[in-house]
Amino acid sequence: MKIIVTGATGMVGKGVLLECLDDPMVTEVLSVSRRSAGIQHPKLKELLHDNFLDFAPVSAQLAGYDACFHCMGVSSAGMQEADFKKFTYDMSMALAKEVHRHNPQATFTYVSGQGTDSTEQGRIMWARVKGKTENDLLKMGFRQAFMFRPGAIIPRRGILPSSKLYRFFVRYFTWLIHLIKWLSPKSVVDTDQIGKAMAEVTANGYDKPIITPADILVLAERRDLK
């Protein structure tokens, strides 16, 4: 499999990238990002691109891939809806349209979030925007599309969250995440499991498009058995 990964400088994206590099079925990974992930690997190519609203200048470099794992995202904290929509919906659709143009038979996965509003009508701004993003990605026409909604995430391999708030939380309150996992084992996932789950749905599909933490755990376990 040849995979495109976005957000490789962030917590989830880096975890997904590392899992792709480790997966023997993945032969090539293209990291599309504004800056280098700082990783050297024979499978890895990097495409540094500044304008995520316009992929036309690098369009040809997105051709020939089996999947796109779209892990890029921003926090809605302190953002107006128009700005959050630009960084969430507009950029995701710009990428997906260009990937689909070259690779209509590809699998597209999008990292959304628990609480996303599929009706697009709720009172919570970020949930509405992510709901519209999910809905329109599912209508894009990819052979497969999956919307990943992880809840609490444990970073592995020394990865630190790019969000200062979540980095503080992970550094000082990881015990709380582990307590939540102990109380509700299917509600918490880690970055390794997200990457394995994405590889698994690409290779073998899944019976529903919305991927919950419980689904991620099932898919990651399947991948471990390969």
C-alpha atoms as a PDB file:
ATOM      1  CA  MET A   1       0.000   0.000   0.000  1.00  0.00           C
ATOM      2  CA  LYS A   2       1.081   3.557  -0.744  1.00  0.00           C
ATOM      3  CA  ILE A   3      -0.228   6.056   1.794  1.00  0.00           C
ATOM      4  CA  ILE A   4      -0.544   9.851   2.056  1.00  0.00           C
ATOM      5  CA  VAL A   5      -0.450  11.184   5.625  1.00  0.00           C
ATOM      6  CA  THR A   6      -1.228  14.738   6.726  1.00  0.00           C
ATOM      7  CA  GLY A   7      -0.562  16.246  10.139  1.00  0.00           C
ATOM      8  CA  ALA A   8       2.642  14.299  10.747  1.00  0.00           C
ATOM      9  CA  THR A   9       4.004  17.084  12.957  1.00  0.00           C
ATOM     10  CA  GLY A  10       1.031  16.663  15.302  1.00  0.00           C
ATOM     11  CA  MET A  11       0.335  13.999  17.914  1.00  0.00           C
ATOM     12  CA  VAL A  12      -2.087  11.786  15.988  1.00  0.00           C
ATOM     13  CA  GLY A  13      -0.469  12.287  12.596  1.00  0.00           C
ATOM     14  CA  LYS A  14       2.994  11.420  13.858  1.00  0.00           C
ATOM     15  CA  GLY A  15       1.705   8.285  15.536  1.00  0.00           C
ATOM     16  CA  VAL A  16      -0.062   7.257  12.331  1.00  0.00           C
ATOM     17  CA  LEU A  17       3.051   8.003  10.267  1.00  0.00           C
ATOM     18  CA  LEU A  18       5.259   5.834  12.504  1.00  0.00           C
ATOM     19  CA  GLU A  19       2.793   2.950  12.326  1.00  0.00           C
ATOM     20  CA  CYS A  20       2.689   3.197   8.530  1.00  0.00           C
ATOM     21  CA  LEU A  21       6.478   3.086   8.365  1.00  0.00           C
ATOM     22  CA  ASP A  22       6.481  -0.041  10.564  1.00  0.00           C
ATOM     23  CA  ASP A  23       3.717  -1.833   8.645  1.00  0.00           C
ATOM     24  CA  PRO A  24       5.276  -4.356   6.205  1.00  0.00           C
ATOM     25  CA  MET A  25       2.297  -3.985   3.832  1.00  0.00           C
ATOM     26  CA  VAL A  26       2.953  -0.246   3.438  1.00  0.00           C
ATOM     27  CA  THR A  27       5.566   0.316   0.754  1.00  0.00           C
ATOM     28  CA  GLU A  28       5.598   4.119   0.593  1.00  0.00           C
ATOM     29  CA  VAL A  29       4.412   7.030   2.726  1.00  0.00           C
ATOM     30  CA  LEU A  30       4.049  10.599   1.509  1.00  0.00           C
ATOM     31  CA  SER A  31       3.884  13.113   4.358  1.00  0.00           C
ATOM     32  CA  VAL A  32       2.132  16.299   3.256  1.00  0.00           C
ATOM     33  CA  SER A  33       2.812  19.097   5.705  1.00  0.00           C
ATOM     34  CA  ARG A  34       3.933  22.689   6.108  1.00  0.00           C
ATOM     35  CA  ARG A  35       7.149  21.612   7.802  1.00  0.00           C
ATOM     36  CA  SER A  36       9.267  18.498   8.049  1.00  0.00           C
ATOM     37  CA  ALA A  37       8.392  15.802  10.560  1.00  0.00           C
ATOM     38  CA  GLY A  38      12.114  15.329  11.153  1.00  0.00           C
ATOM     39  CA  ILE A  39      12.031  11.601  10.414  1.00  0.00           C
ATOM     40  CA  GLN A  40      14.383   9.766   8.059  1.00  0.00           C
ATOM     41  CA  HIS A  41      13.144   6.450   6.627  1.00  0.00           C
ATOM     42  CA  PRO A  42      13.560   4.675   3.267  1.00  0.00           C
ATOM     43  CA  LYS A  43       9.754   4.444   2.839  1.00  0.00           C
ATOM     44  CA  LEU A  44       9.147   8.124   3.598  1.00  0.00           C
ATOM     45  CA  LYS A  45       8.848  11.017   1.174  1.00  0.00           C
ATOM     46  CA  GLU A  46       7.952  14.526   2.329  1.00  0.00           C
ATOM     47  CA  LEU A  47       5.961  17.098   0.406  1.00  0.00           C
ATOM     48  CA  LEU A  48       6.237  20.496   2.081  1.00  0.00           C
ATOM     49  CA  HIS A  49       3.327  22.672   1.046  1.00  0.00           C
ATOM     50  CA  ASP A  50       2.170  25.953   2.606  1.00  0.00           C
ATOM     51  CA  ASN A  51      -1.298  26.536   1.177  1.00  0.00           C
ATOM     52  CA  PHE A  52      -3.718  23.796   2.250  1.00  0.00           C
ATOM     53  CA  LEU A  53      -6.546  25.610   0.502  1.00  0.00           C
ATOM     54  CA  ASP A  54      -4.929  25.051  -2.896  1.00  0.00           C
ATOM     55  CA  PHE A  55      -3.204  21.807  -3.850  1.00  0.00           C
ATOM     56  CA  ALA A  56      -3.133  22.536  -7.588  1.00  0.00           C
ATOM     57  CA  PRO A  57       0.622  23.380  -7.602  1.00  0.00           C
ATOM     58  CA  VAL A  58       1.470  19.937  -6.143  1.00  0.00           C
ATOM     59  CA  SER A  59      -1.414  17.993  -7.682  1.00  0.00           C
ATOM     60  CA  ALA A  60       0.711  15.579  -9.721  1.00  0.00           C
ATOM     61  CA  GLN A  61       2.597  14.486  -6.596  1.00  0.00           C
ATOM     62  CA  LEU A  62      -0.622  13.203  -5.020  1.00  0.00           C
ATOM     63  CA  ALA A  63      -1.249  10.630  -7.772  1.00  0.00           C
ATOM     64  CA  GLY A  64      -0.737   6.897  -7.421  1.00  0.00           C
ATOM     65  CA  TYR A  65      -1.736   6.334  -3.784  1.00  0.00           C
ATOM     66  CA  ASP A  66      -4.009   3.744  -2.180  1.00  0.00           C
ATOM     67  CA  ALA A  67      -5.097   5.833   0.786  1.00  0.00           C
ATOM     68  CA  CYS A  68      -4.973   9.229   2.434  1.00  0.00           C
ATOM     69  CA  PHE A  69      -4.881   9.415   6.224  1.00  0.00           C
ATOM     70  CA  HIS A  70      -5.952  12.987   6.973  1.00  0.00           C
ATOM     71  CA  CYS A  71      -4.812  13.634  10.551  1.00  0.00           C
ATOM     72  CA  MET A  72      -4.364  17.405  10.413  1.00  0.00           C
ATOM     73  CA  GLY A  73      -6.543  19.483  12.714  1.00  0.00           C
ATOM     74  CA  VAL A  74      -6.748  22.518  14.975  1.00  0.00           C
ATOM     75  CA  SER A  75      -8.380  23.251  18.299  1.00  0.00           C
ATOM     76  CA  SER A  76     -11.526  25.361  18.168  1.00  0.00           C
ATOM     77  CA  ALA A  77     -10.635  27.122  21.415  1.00  0.00           C
ATOM     78  CA  GLY A  78     -10.869  30.870  20.943  1.00  0.00           C
ATOM     79  CA  MET A  79     -11.658  30.600  17.239  1.00  0.00           C
ATOM     80  CA  GLN A  80     -14.540  32.151  15.350  1.00  0.00           C
ATOM     81  CA  GLU A  81     -16.638  29.726  13.316  1.00  0.00           C
ATOM     82  CA  ALA A  82     -15.457  31.135   9.966  1.00  0.00           C
ATOM     83  CA  ASP A  83     -11.808  30.613  10.906  1.00  0.00           C
ATOM     84  CA  PHE A  84     -12.399  27.139  12.312  1.00  0.00           C
ATOM     85  CA  LYS A  85     -14.336  26.194   9.180  1.00  0.00           C
ATOM     86  CA  LYS A  86     -11.411  27.322   7.013  1.00  0.00           C
ATOM     87  CA  PHE A  87      -8.905  25.182   8.896  1.00  0.00           C
ATOM     88  CA  THR A  88     -11.239  22.206   9.256  1.00  0.00           C
ATOM     89  CA  TYR A  89     -13.776  21.986   6.435  1.00  0.00           C
ATOM     90  CA  ASP A  90     -12.223  24.065   3.642  1.00  0.00           C
ATOM     91  CA  MET A  91      -8.737  22.579   3.927  1.00  0.00           C
ATOM     92  CA  SER A  92     -10.043  19.024   4.250  1.00  0.00           C
ATOM     93  CA  MET A  93     -12.231  19.376   1.175  1.00  0.00           C
ATOM     94  CA  ALA A  94      -9.428  20.971  -0.864  1.00  0.00           C
ATOM     95  CA  LEU A  95      -7.161  18.016  -0.071  1.00  0.00           C
ATOM     96  CA  ALA A  96      -9.847  15.371  -0.585  1.00  0.00           C
ATOM     97  CA  LYS A  97     -10.920  16.746  -3.966  1.00  0.00           C
ATOM     98  CA  GLU A  98      -7.361  16.689  -5.285  1.00  0.00           C
ATOM     99  CA  VAL A  99      -6.652  13.218  -3.899  1.00  0.00           C
ATOM    100  CA  HIS A 100      -9.933  11.905  -5.341  1.00  0.00           C
ATOM    101  CA  ARG A 101      -9.211  13.428  -8.748  1.00  0.00           C
ATOM    102  CA  HIS A 102      -6.108  11.269  -9.061  1.00  0.00           C
ATOM    103  CA  ASN A 103      -7.091   8.296  -6.874  1.00  0.00           C
ATOM    104  CA  PRO A 104     -10.873   7.681  -6.941  1.00  0.00           C
ATOM    105  CA  GLN A 105     -10.348   4.072  -5.825  1.00  0.00           C
ATOM    106  CA  ALA A 106      -8.432   5.131  -2.735  1.00  0.00           C
ATOM    107  CA  THR A 107      -9.476   4.951   0.913  1.00  0.00           C
ATOM    108  CA  PHE A 108      -9.817   8.300   2.698  1.00  0.00           C
ATOM    109  CA  THR A 109      -9.737   8.488   6.493  1.00  0.00           C
ATOM    110  CA  TYR A 110     -10.399  11.663   8.470  1.00  0.00           C
ATOM    111  CA  VAL A 111      -9.640  12.238  12.153  1.00  0.00           C
ATOM    112  CA  SER A 112     -12.727  13.913  13.547  1.00  0.00           C
ATOM    113  CA  GLY A 113     -13.724  13.672  17.207  1.00  0.00           C
ATOM    114  CA  GLN A 114     -16.130  12.227  19.737  1.00  0.00           C
ATOM    115  CA  GLY A 115     -19.258  14.360  19.884  1.00  0.00           C
ATOM    116  CA  THR A 116     -19.204  15.344  16.208  1.00  0.00           C
ATOM    117  CA  ASP A 117     -22.658  16.463  15.091  1.00  0.00           C
ATOM    118  CA  SER A 118     -23.724  14.558  11.976  1.00  0.00           C
ATOM    119  CA  THR A 119     -26.949  16.607  11.774  1.00  0.00           C
ATOM    120  CA  GLU A 120     -24.900  19.827  11.339  1.00  0.00           C
ATOM    121  CA  GLN A 121     -27.647  21.584  13.333  1.00  0.00           C
ATOM    122  CA  GLY A 122     -26.434  21.451  16.932  1.00  0.00           C
ATOM    123  CA  ARG A 123     -25.426  24.338  19.182  1.00  0.00           C
ATOM    124  CA  ILE A 124     -21.760  23.358  19.485  1.00  0.00           C
ATOM    125  CA  MET A 125     -19.776  25.093  16.739  1.00  0.00           C
ATOM    126  CA  TRP A 126     -16.873  22.663  16.337  1.00  0.00           C
ATOM    127  CA  ALA A 127     -19.230  19.670  16.301  1.00  0.00           C
ATOM    128  CA  ARG A 128     -21.346  21.197  13.512  1.00  0.00           C
ATOM    129  CA  VAL A 129     -18.305  22.024  11.383  1.00  0.00           C
ATOM    130  CA  LYS A 130     -16.782  18.577  11.822  1.00  0.00           C
ATOM    131  CA  GLY A 131     -20.169  17.020  11.111  1.00  0.00           C
ATOM    132  CA  LYS A 132     -20.368  18.829   7.775  1.00  0.00           C
ATOM    133  CA  THR A 133     -16.777  17.855   7.026  1.00  0.00           C
ATOM    134  CA  GLU A 134     -17.527  14.189   7.687  1.00  0.00           C
ATOM    135  CA  ASN A 135     -20.751  14.228   5.682  1.00  0.00           C
ATOM    136  CA  ASP A 136     -19.211  15.850   2.617  1.00  0.00           C
ATOM    137  CA  LEU A 137     -16.152  13.594   2.692  1.00  0.00           C
ATOM    138  CA  LEU A 138     -18.443  10.566   2.749  1.00  0.00           C
ATOM    139  CA  LYS A 139     -20.212  11.935  -0.341  1.00  0.00           C
ATOM    140  CA  MET A 140     -16.961  12.579  -2.225  1.00  0.00           C
ATOM    141  CA  GLY A 141     -17.008   9.254  -4.059  1.00  0.00           C
ATOM    142  CA  PHE A 142     -13.941   7.465  -2.706  1.00  0.00           C
ATOM    143  CA  ARG A 143     -13.993   3.673  -2.865  1.00  0.00           C
ATOM    144  CA  GLN A 144     -13.926   3.763   0.928  1.00  0.00           C
ATOM    145  CA  ALA A 145     -14.129   6.632   3.424  1.00  0.00           C
ATOM    146  CA  PHE A 146     -13.948   6.376   7.202  1.00  0.00           C
ATOM    147  CA  MET A 147     -14.450   9.061   9.819  1.00  0.00           C
ATOM    148  CA  PHE A 148     -12.351   8.355  12.922  1.00  0.00           C
ATOM    149  CA  ARG A 149     -13.791   9.689  16.183  1.00  0.00           C
ATOM    150  CA  PRO A 150     -11.240   8.928  18.892  1.00  0.00           C
ATOM    151  CA  GLY A 151     -12.016  10.119  22.397  1.00  0.00           C
ATOM    152  CA  ALA A 152      -9.187  10.370  24.907  1.00  0.00           C
ATOM    153  CA  ILE A 153      -5.857   9.555  23.239  1.00  0.00           C
ATOM    154  CA  ILE A 154      -2.666   8.312  24.890  1.00  0.00           C
ATOM    155  CA  PRO A 155       0.451   9.336  22.906  1.00  0.00           C
ATOM    156  CA  ARG A 156       3.068   6.609  22.445  1.00  0.00           C
ATOM    157  CA  ARG A 157       6.739   6.508  21.395  1.00  0.00           C
ATOM    158  CA  GLY A 158       7.584   9.741  23.188  1.00  0.00           C
ATOM    159  CA  ILE A 159       5.212  11.790  21.034  1.00  0.00           C
ATOM    160  CA  LEU A 160       4.034  15.024  22.592  1.00  0.00           C
ATOM    161  CA  PRO A 161       0.778  16.763  21.644  1.00  0.00           C
ATOM    162  CA  SER A 162       1.165  19.925  19.578  1.00  0.00           C
ATOM    163  CA  SER A 163      -1.596  21.570  21.617  1.00  0.00           C
ATOM    164  CA  LYS A 164      -0.057  23.250  24.683  1.00  0.00           C
ATOM    165  CA  LEU A 165      -3.167  22.519  26.733  1.00  0.00           C
ATOM    166  CA  TYR A 166      -3.250  18.818  25.856  1.00  0.00           C
ATOM    167  CA  ARG A 167       0.532  18.581  26.282  1.00  0.00           C
ATOM    168  CA  PHE A 168       0.135  19.943  29.825  1.00  0.00           C
ATOM    169  CA  PHE A 169      -2.704  17.514  30.460  1.00  0.00           C
ATOM    170  CA  VAL A 170      -0.734  14.510  29.169  1.00  0.00           C
ATOM    171  CA  ARG A 171       2.384  15.505  31.088  1.00  0.00           C
ATOM    172  CA  TYR A 172       0.669  15.918  34.448  1.00  0.00           C
ATOM    173  CA  PHE A 173      -2.612  14.017  34.219  1.00  0.00           C
ATOM    174  CA  THR A 174      -1.840  10.886  32.189  1.00  0.00           C
ATOM    175  CA  TRP A 175      -2.867   8.972  35.285  1.00  0.00           C
ATOM    176  CA  LEU A 176      -6.395  10.317  34.792  1.00  0.00           C
ATOM    177  CA  ILE A 177      -6.529   9.020  31.210  1.00  0.00           C
ATOM    178  CA  HIS A 178      -5.373   5.610  32.447  1.00  0.00           C
ATOM    179  CA  LEU A 179      -8.037   5.728  35.169  1.00  0.00           C
ATOM    180  CA  ILE A 180     -10.673   6.459  32.527  1.00  0.00           C
ATOM    181  CA  LYS A 181      -9.325   3.543  30.484  1.00  0.00           C
ATOM    182  CA  TRP A 182      -9.527   1.274  33.532  1.00  0.00           C
ATOM    183  CA  LEU A 183     -13.101   2.352  34.248  1.00  0.00           C
ATOM    184  CA  SER A 184     -14.155   2.251  30.589  1.00  0.00           C
ATOM    185  CA  PRO A 185     -11.675   0.148  28.583  1.00  0.00           C
ATOM    186  CA  LYS A 186     -13.285   0.862  25.203  1.00  0.00           C
ATOM    187  CA  SER A 187     -13.255   4.656  25.549  1.00  0.00           C
ATOM    188  CA  VAL A 188      -9.507   5.350  25.342  1.00  0.00           C
ATOM    189  CA  VAL A 189      -7.102   4.612  22.479  1.00  0.00           C
ATOM    190  CA  ASP A 190      -3.460   5.367  21.792  1.00  0.00           C
ATOM    191  CA  THR A 191      -1.666   6.797  18.774  1.00  0.00           C
ATOM    192  CA  ASP A 192      -0.296   3.388  17.753  1.00  0.00           C
ATOM    193  CA  GLN A 193      -3.792   1.899  17.703  1.00  0.00           C
ATOM    194  CA  ILE A 194      -5.142   4.710  15.519  1.00  0.00           C
ATOM    195  CA  GLY A 195      -2.411   4.097  12.943  1.00  0.00           C
ATOM    196  CA  LYS A 196      -2.979   0.343  12.954  1.00  0.00           C
ATOM    197  CA  ALA A 197      -6.739   0.828  12.609  1.00  0.00           C
ATOM    198  CA  MET A 198      -6.292   3.087   9.581  1.00  0.00           C
ATOM    199  CA  ALA A 199      -4.035   0.564   7.878  1.00  0.00           C
ATOM    200  CA  GLU A 200      -6.528  -2.197   8.626  1.00  0.00           C
ATOM    201  CA  VAL A 201      -9.590  -0.433   7.167  1.00  0.00           C
ATOM    202  CA  THR A 202      -7.574   0.388   4.065  1.00  0.00           C
ATOM    203  CA  ALA A 203      -6.473  -3.198   3.549  1.00  0.00           C
ATOM    204  CA  ASN A 204      -9.633  -5.024   4.570  1.00  0.00           C
ATOM    205  CA  GLY A 205     -12.486  -2.520   4.885  1.00  0.00           C
ATOM    206  CA  TYR A 206     -15.045  -2.214   7.694  1.00  0.00           C
ATOM    207  CA  ASP A 207     -18.793  -2.466   7.984  1.00  0.00           C
ATOM    208  CA  LYS A 208     -19.484   1.140   8.992  1.00  0.00           C
ATOM    209  CA  PRO A 209     -18.016   4.538   8.095  1.00  0.00           C
ATOM    210  CA  ILE A 210     -17.989   6.138  11.565  1.00  0.00           C
ATOM    211  CA  ILE A 211     -15.138   4.686  13.592  1.00  0.00           C
ATOM    212  CA  THR A 212     -15.513   4.942  17.393  1.00  0.00           C
ATOM    213  CA  PRO A 213     -12.841   4.223  20.023  1.00  0.00           C
ATOM    214  CA  ALA A 214     -14.265   0.703  20.419  1.00  0.00           C
ATOM    215  CA  ASP A 215     -13.935   0.170  16.658  1.00  0.00           C
ATOM    216  CA  ILE A 216     -10.357   1.460  16.703  1.00  0.00           C
ATOM    217  CA  LEU A 217      -9.455  -1.115  19.351  1.00  0.00           C
ATOM    218  CA  VAL A 218     -11.027  -3.932  17.317  1.00  0.00           C
ATOM    219  CA  LEU A 219      -9.296  -2.859  14.114  1.00  0.00           C
ATOM    220  CA  ALA A 220      -5.915  -2.401  15.796  1.00  0.00           C
ATOM    221  CA  GLU A 221      -6.141  -5.899  17.279  1.00  0.00           C
ATOM    222  CA  ARG A 222      -6.936  -7.289  13.837  1.00  0.00           C
ATOM    223  CA  ARG A 223      -3.878  -5.530  12.444  1.00  0.00           C
ATOM    224  CA  ASP A 224      -1.680  -6.994  15.154  1.00  0.00           C
ATOM    225  CA  LEU A 225      -2.776 -10.477  14.074  1.00  0.00           C
ATOM    226  CA  LYS A 226      -1.673  -9.956  10.469  1.00  0.00           C
END
